Every structure is written in structure tokens, then in C-alpha cells.
Amino acid sequence: MVEKITYDENILAIIIRAEHKSEGIEFFTPNEFSQQLAYMSHPAGHTIEPHIHNKISRKVNYTQEVLFIKSGKIKVNFYNNEQKYLESRVLLKGDIILLATGGHGFEIIDDAEFIEVKQGPYAGDIDKTRFKSG
């Protein structure tokens, strides 16, 4: 239920399918990723102590984004840094994907809604390089 898409020993993406279940806390990302992704499952009555996140300066070199698929069907095409097509996966309602490295493009197969979370602030046109597929 968890799949890592890799190329040249680099993680391009991590897909967590809607059916995935485990107990406790399960992190999917290496500690050095600028975007951390975890699954948490706790029984009723469990508490998480109140906390504040401390101000810490971090250096982010590449934008990593997480998509939460609310509805529909989306095909994700993966590319290496040289813009060469590698492979594809289809995402469905409830699936989550972290896009970590390399390139990616999307084809909406069925009407879709999804939520994107990524680091900010957004840098405008200098934040990404667009290219033609194929």
C-alpha cells in the first residue's frame, strides 16, 4: 500500500494508497527531506502532548509537494532531471503522493479534486521549468 518510485537511487515520489493502515506513527520520508510525510493511527483515548514548533532556519533547495486526492482519477507521469519520461502511476480518491525529485506531469482521467501542500513562499516563474512531454 506504500510505493516508492525511484530512479538512479533517488526517490522521485512516495505513494500512500487510501487502503494503507498501520499502528502508531510511520514515517515514509528520509530525515533529510525538506517535506516530511507520516501516517498516524492511534486508538481512542490516546493523547498527543500540546506543543509548539520552534523557529529553526532551514535551507530548502528544491520544492517538494504533497497531493491529497479528494475525488477522481489522475495519471501521474514521472520524468528524470533530463526531462526523459520514465513511468506512470494512477491515483484514486484517498491516495496521497509526495513528489520529491525529478519531473512530473498530470493527466486528469476522471473529474478530479485534490489538495496540494508544498513549501513556500512561492517563487513564481523561477520556481519551475516547464517542458513538453514525449
Protein backbone atom coordinates (compact mmCIF):
# COMPACT_ATOMS: atom_id res chain seq x y z
CA MET A 1 0.00 0.00 0.00
CA VAL A 2 3.08 2.24 0.04
CA GLU A 3 5.18 2.55 -3.11
CA LYS A 4 8.43 4.42 -3.65
CA ILE A 5 9.13 5.45 -7.25
CA THR A 6 12.91 5.67 -7.71
CA TYR A 7 15.40 6.50 -10.44
CA ASP A 8 19.19 6.35 -10.10
CA GLU A 9 18.80 5.61 -6.38
CA ASN A 10 16.83 8.85 -5.85
CA ILE A 11 13.25 8.86 -4.60
CA LEU A 12 11.05 10.58 -7.20
CA ALA A 13 7.80 10.02 -5.33
CA ILE A 14 6.15 8.16 -2.47
CA ILE A 15 2.56 6.99 -2.95
CA ILE A 16 0.39 6.04 0.01
CA ARG A 17 -2.76 4.29 -1.15
CA ALA A 18 -6.10 5.01 0.53
CA GLU A 19 -6.21 1.44 1.88
CA HIS A 20 -2.92 1.76 3.80
CA LYS A 21 -3.15 1.03 7.52
CA SER A 22 -0.59 0.60 10.28
CA GLU A 23 -0.40 1.24 14.01
CA GLY A 24 1.30 4.16 15.70
CA ILE A 25 3.44 6.55 13.70
CA GLU A 26 5.06 5.55 10.41
CA PHE A 27 7.36 7.99 8.59
CA PHE A 28 7.85 7.40 4.86
CA THR A 29 10.46 10.07 4.14
CA PRO A 30 14.18 10.16 4.90
CA ASN A 31 15.13 12.65 7.63
CA GLU A 32 16.91 14.91 5.11
CA PHE A 33 13.77 15.56 3.00
CA SER A 34 12.53 19.14 3.28
CA GLN A 35 8.96 17.82 3.30
CA GLN A 36 8.21 15.09 5.85
CA LEU A 37 5.36 12.61 5.35
CA ALA A 38 3.99 10.28 8.02
CA TYR A 39 0.94 8.14 8.72
CA MET A 40 -0.52 8.20 12.23
CA SER A 41 -3.07 5.86 13.77
CA HIS A 42 -3.97 5.99 17.45
CA PRO A 43 -6.78 4.42 19.49
CA ALA A 44 -9.49 6.43 21.22
CA GLY A 45 -8.20 7.98 24.41
CA HIS A 46 -4.65 8.42 23.11
CA THR A 47 -3.26 11.91 23.65
CA ILE A 48 -0.56 13.87 21.91
CA GLU A 49 1.02 16.39 24.24
CA PRO A 50 0.43 20.04 23.33
CA HIS A 51 3.49 21.52 21.70
CA ILE A 52 4.88 24.49 19.81
CA HIS A 53 7.20 24.19 16.85
CA ASN A 54 10.36 26.20 17.44
CA LYS A 55 11.68 28.72 14.95
CA ILE A 56 14.52 27.00 13.10
CA SER A 57 16.19 28.23 9.93
CA ARG A 58 16.19 25.59 7.20
CA LYS A 59 17.60 25.66 3.70
CA VAL A 60 15.27 24.28 1.02
CA ASN A 61 16.91 23.70 -2.36
CA TYR A 62 14.02 22.06 -4.23
CA THR A 63 10.28 22.27 -3.82
CA GLN A 64 8.65 19.03 -2.70
CA GLU A 65 4.88 18.77 -2.83
CA VAL A 66 2.21 16.50 -1.42
CA LEU A 67 -1.11 15.88 -3.19
CA PHE A 68 -4.20 14.56 -1.41
CA ILE A 69 -6.68 13.12 -3.93
CA LYS A 70 -10.21 14.04 -2.82
CA SER A 71 -12.01 12.61 -5.86
CA GLY A 72 -11.49 11.41 -9.39
CA LYS A 73 -8.69 9.63 -11.19
CA ILE A 74 -5.31 11.19 -12.03
CA LYS A 75 -2.43 9.76 -14.02
CA VAL A 76 1.00 10.94 -12.82
CA ASN A 77 3.85 10.80 -15.34
CA PHE A 78 7.38 10.74 -13.93
CA TYR A 79 10.47 12.20 -15.63
CA ASN A 80 14.15 12.33 -14.75
CA ASN A 81 16.03 15.64 -14.45
CA GLU A 82 16.88 15.46 -18.16
CA GLN A 83 13.11 15.59 -18.87
CA LYS A 84 13.01 11.98 -20.14
CA TYR A 85 9.78 10.07 -19.45
CA LEU A 86 10.26 7.16 -17.02
CA GLU A 87 6.92 5.68 -15.94
CA SER A 88 3.38 6.47 -14.75
CA ARG A 89 1.02 5.68 -11.89
CA VAL A 90 -2.72 6.25 -11.46
CA LEU A 91 -4.02 7.88 -8.29
CA LEU A 92 -7.56 7.49 -6.96
CA LYS A 93 -9.72 9.05 -4.25
CA GLY A 94 -7.97 8.87 -0.88
CA ASP A 95 -4.47 8.34 -2.31
CA ILE A 96 -1.62 10.62 -1.26
CA ILE A 97 1.60 11.29 -3.15
CA LEU A 98 4.78 13.10 -2.17
CA LEU A 99 6.63 14.39 -5.24
CA ALA A 100 10.25 14.65 -4.15
CA THR A 101 12.67 14.87 -7.09
CA GLY A 102 12.74 14.67 -10.87
CA GLY A 103 9.91 15.91 -13.05
CA HIS A 104 6.22 15.13 -13.09
CA GLY A 105 3.11 15.87 -15.12
CA PHE A 106 -0.55 15.02 -14.70
CA GLU A 107 -3.38 13.77 -16.86
CA ILE A 108 -6.86 14.07 -15.38
CA ILE A 109 -8.64 10.83 -16.35
CA ASP A 110 -11.90 11.43 -14.43
CA ASP A 111 -13.03 14.77 -12.98
CA ALA A 112 -10.72 15.29 -10.02
CA GLU A 113 -10.29 17.35 -6.89
CA PHE A 114 -7.04 17.37 -4.98
CA ILE A 115 -5.22 19.42 -2.40
CA GLU A 116 -1.57 20.42 -2.84
CA VAL A 117 0.79 21.21 0.02
CA LYS A 118 4.32 22.48 -0.65
CA GLN A 119 6.95 24.76 0.81
CA GLY A 120 6.64 28.47 0.40
CA PRO A 121 6.87 31.22 -0.26
CA TYR A 122 6.12 30.57 -3.95
CA ALA A 123 8.90 31.95 -6.14
CA GLY A 124 6.79 32.50 -9.28
CA ASP A 125 8.22 31.64 -12.70
CA ILE A 126 11.68 30.84 -11.31
CA ASP A 127 10.18 28.06 -9.14
CA LYS A 128 9.82 25.56 -12.02
CA THR A 129 10.92 24.70 -15.55
CA ARG A 130 8.08 23.63 -17.84
CA PHE A 131 8.76 21.23 -20.71
CA LYS A 132 6.89 19.20 -23.35
CA SER A 133 6.26 15.52 -22.64
CA GLY A 134 7.42 12.79 -25.00
